[in-house]
């Protein structure tokens, strides 16, 4: 049995939905590891080696993915019972406080983990990689639809990776 994450019933991403909901975004899904972003109501947040991205337009991100033919998955998260502005401001604070990814310390998954702790009251302390988090979100019925850009499939299997892969990637980008 595979330890890979499997996503089924993938639909083409629609800007109207992406601008109204919350998503975990996986870009370069064929890479190990993929890059992880979070979007809330059309605003995208992320950490990388250079720093953080806050409040970038989802439409701008999709245009960039399409221009570079970057395959990406959008995993819908159930919206918390907070105002859109509150969620967006909280995510802005999370990424600015974390600043950037750091070897053996902070990864691009950390903003998603902190979001889940804050808005779903989840304990993510043992969550180190995406394959730790997705089953936890599924168990708590927090995942909605799965959408994609630059992928022609209704099913996708994300290859398993670990912290060593993440740290090797961080070192290669420094």
Protein backbone atom coordinates (compact mmCIF):
# COMPACT_ATOMS: atom_id res chain seq x y z
CA UNK A 1 0.00 0.00 0.00
CA UNK A 2 1.28 3.45 -0.94
CA UNK A 3 2.01 6.19 1.59
CA UNK A 4 1.37 8.76 -1.12
CA UNK A 5 -1.50 11.22 -0.68
CA UNK A 6 -4.26 10.58 -3.18
CA UNK A 7 -6.65 13.31 -4.31
CA UNK A 8 -9.79 12.28 -6.20
CA UNK A 9 -12.59 14.08 -8.02
CA UNK A 10 -10.32 16.97 -9.03
CA UNK A 11 -12.12 19.68 -10.97
CA UNK A 12 -10.69 22.57 -13.01
CA UNK A 13 -10.11 25.60 -10.77
CA UNK A 14 -12.64 28.41 -11.12
CA UNK A 15 -11.60 31.93 -10.21
CA UNK A 16 -15.03 32.72 -8.78
CA UNK A 17 -14.73 29.88 -6.23
CA UNK A 18 -11.09 30.59 -5.44
CA UNK A 19 -11.98 34.20 -4.62
CA UNK A 20 -14.72 33.19 -2.17
CA UNK A 21 -13.21 30.34 -0.15
CA UNK A 22 -10.11 29.15 1.70
CA UNK A 23 -7.61 26.79 0.08
CA UNK A 24 -4.32 25.06 0.67
CA UNK A 25 -2.46 25.47 -2.62
CA UNK A 26 0.18 22.99 -3.74
CA UNK A 27 2.29 24.28 -6.62
CA UNK A 28 4.77 22.27 -8.62
CA UNK A 29 2.93 19.18 -7.41
CA UNK A 30 5.26 16.86 -9.34
CA UNK A 31 8.28 18.15 -7.40
CA UNK A 32 9.38 16.67 -4.12
CA UNK A 33 8.44 18.53 -2.05
CA UNK A 34 5.78 20.75 -3.64
CA UNK A 35 5.47 24.36 -2.53
CA UNK A 36 2.58 25.08 -0.14
CA UNK A 37 0.54 28.28 -0.02
CA UNK A 38 -2.71 29.21 1.68
CA UNK A 39 -5.38 31.44 0.17
CA UNK A 40 -8.32 33.10 1.86
CA UNK A 41 -11.07 34.83 -0.07
CA UNK A 42 -8.84 35.66 -3.03
CA UNK A 43 -5.73 36.60 -0.99
CA UNK A 44 -2.66 34.35 -1.11
CA UNK A 45 -0.07 33.87 1.64
CA UNK A 46 3.18 31.94 1.55
CA UNK A 47 6.70 31.60 2.86
CA UNK A 48 9.77 30.85 0.81
CA UNK A 49 13.52 31.21 1.10
CA UNK A 50 13.40 34.92 0.21
CA UNK A 51 10.65 35.90 2.59
CA UNK A 52 6.89 35.99 2.77
CA UNK A 53 4.02 36.71 0.41
CA UNK A 54 0.95 38.34 1.91
CA UNK A 55 -2.32 39.41 0.30
CA UNK A 56 -1.25 38.56 -3.24
CA UNK A 57 -4.23 38.21 -5.56
CA UNK A 58 -5.24 34.62 -6.32
CA UNK A 59 -5.90 35.70 -9.91
CA UNK A 60 -2.31 36.95 -10.21
CA UNK A 61 -1.01 33.66 -8.80
CA UNK A 62 -3.12 31.64 -11.26
CA UNK A 63 -1.92 33.79 -14.19
CA UNK A 64 1.65 33.11 -13.08
CA UNK A 65 0.94 29.36 -12.83
CA UNK A 66 -0.63 29.38 -16.30
CA UNK A 67 2.21 31.40 -17.84
CA UNK A 68 4.83 29.00 -16.45
CA UNK A 69 2.56 25.94 -16.92
CA UNK A 70 2.96 25.16 -13.21
CA UNK A 71 0.70 22.30 -12.11
CA UNK A 72 -1.15 23.21 -8.93
CA UNK A 73 -3.81 21.72 -6.65
CA UNK A 74 -6.28 23.75 -4.61
CA UNK A 75 -7.58 21.93 -1.53
CA UNK A 76 -10.63 23.69 -0.16
CA UNK A 77 -10.84 24.14 3.59
CA UNK A 78 -14.12 24.72 5.37
CA UNK A 79 -14.51 28.41 6.19
CA UNK A 80 -14.34 29.26 9.90
CA UNK A 81 -17.04 31.36 11.50
CA UNK A 82 -14.99 34.56 11.45
CA UNK A 83 -15.20 37.57 9.17
CA UNK A 84 -13.19 37.52 5.94
CA UNK A 85 -11.16 40.51 7.13
CA UNK A 86 -10.32 38.80 10.41
CA UNK A 87 -9.06 35.66 8.62
CA UNK A 88 -7.05 37.67 6.08
CA UNK A 89 -5.47 39.85 8.79
CA UNK A 90 -4.62 36.77 10.86
CA UNK A 91 -2.90 35.10 7.90
CA UNK A 92 -0.98 38.31 7.17
CA UNK A 93 0.27 38.35 10.74
CA UNK A 94 1.18 34.66 10.63
CA UNK A 95 3.40 35.00 7.54
CA UNK A 96 4.98 38.28 8.61
CA UNK A 97 5.79 36.83 12.05
CA UNK A 98 7.32 33.69 10.51
CA UNK A 99 9.23 35.84 7.96
CA UNK A 100 10.62 33.07 5.71
CA UNK A 101 11.42 29.37 5.56
CA UNK A 102 14.46 28.34 7.54
CA UNK A 103 16.51 25.17 7.39
CA UNK A 104 15.38 22.61 9.95
CA UNK A 105 12.99 25.11 11.51
CA UNK A 106 10.26 26.81 9.46
CA UNK A 107 8.69 25.38 6.30
CA UNK A 108 6.06 26.62 3.87
CA UNK A 109 3.57 24.36 5.70
CA UNK A 110 3.88 26.41 8.92
CA UNK A 111 1.38 29.14 7.94
CA UNK A 112 -1.21 26.44 7.17
CA UNK A 113 -0.51 24.72 10.48
CA UNK A 114 -0.88 27.98 12.42
CA UNK A 115 -4.07 28.77 10.52
CA UNK A 116 -5.49 25.35 11.51
CA UNK A 117 -4.51 25.85 15.14
CA UNK A 118 -6.07 29.32 15.25
CA UNK A 119 -9.31 28.71 13.37
CA UNK A 120 -10.03 25.00 13.85
CA UNK A 121 -8.53 24.60 17.32
CA UNK A 122 -6.35 21.78 16.02
CA UNK A 123 -3.15 20.56 17.59
CA UNK A 124 -0.59 20.48 14.77
CA UNK A 125 2.52 20.08 16.92
CA UNK A 126 3.18 16.59 15.51
CA UNK A 127 2.45 17.71 11.95
CA UNK A 128 5.73 17.99 10.07
CA UNK A 129 4.70 17.42 6.45
CA UNK A 130 1.57 17.68 4.34
CA UNK A 131 0.84 13.94 4.60
CA UNK A 132 0.54 14.44 8.38
CA UNK A 133 -1.91 17.32 8.00
CA UNK A 134 -4.30 16.18 5.25
CA UNK A 135 -5.54 13.07 7.15
CA UNK A 136 -6.10 15.23 10.24
CA UNK A 137 -8.13 17.73 8.21
CA UNK A 138 -10.07 14.89 6.58
CA UNK A 139 -10.81 13.26 9.94
CA UNK A 140 -12.24 16.57 11.17
CA UNK A 141 -14.34 16.99 8.00
CA UNK A 142 -12.53 20.21 7.06
CA UNK A 143 -11.71 19.46 3.41
CA UNK A 144 -14.09 20.40 0.62
CA UNK A 145 -13.54 20.25 -3.11
CA UNK A 146 -10.21 19.73 -4.85
CA UNK A 147 -9.43 21.84 -7.92
CA UNK A 148 -6.44 22.22 -10.20
CA UNK A 149 -4.73 24.29 -12.86
CA UNK A 150 -2.42 22.89 -15.53
CA UNK A 151 -3.40 19.31 -14.68
CA UNK A 152 -5.59 17.17 -16.90
CA UNK A 153 -6.66 14.60 -14.37
CA UNK A 154 -9.46 13.84 -11.92
CA UNK A 155 -7.09 11.91 -9.67
CA UNK A 156 -3.61 12.80 -8.46
CA UNK A 157 -1.16 10.94 -6.28
CA UNK A 158 1.30 13.18 -4.45
CA UNK A 159 4.56 11.35 -3.92
CA UNK A 160 5.62 10.84 -0.33
CA UNK A 161 8.41 13.02 1.04
CA UNK A 162 9.88 13.76 4.45
CA UNK A 163 11.63 16.54 6.36
CA UNK A 164 14.96 15.59 4.80
CA UNK A 165 13.53 16.36 1.34
CA UNK A 166 12.27 19.72 2.61
CA UNK A 167 15.59 20.64 4.22
CA UNK A 168 17.54 19.56 1.12
CA UNK A 169 15.27 21.78 -0.99
CA UNK A 170 15.75 24.74 1.37
CA UNK A 171 19.56 24.32 1.22
CA UNK A 172 19.49 24.08 -2.58
CA UNK A 173 17.67 27.41 -2.81
CA UNK A 174 19.89 29.37 -0.41
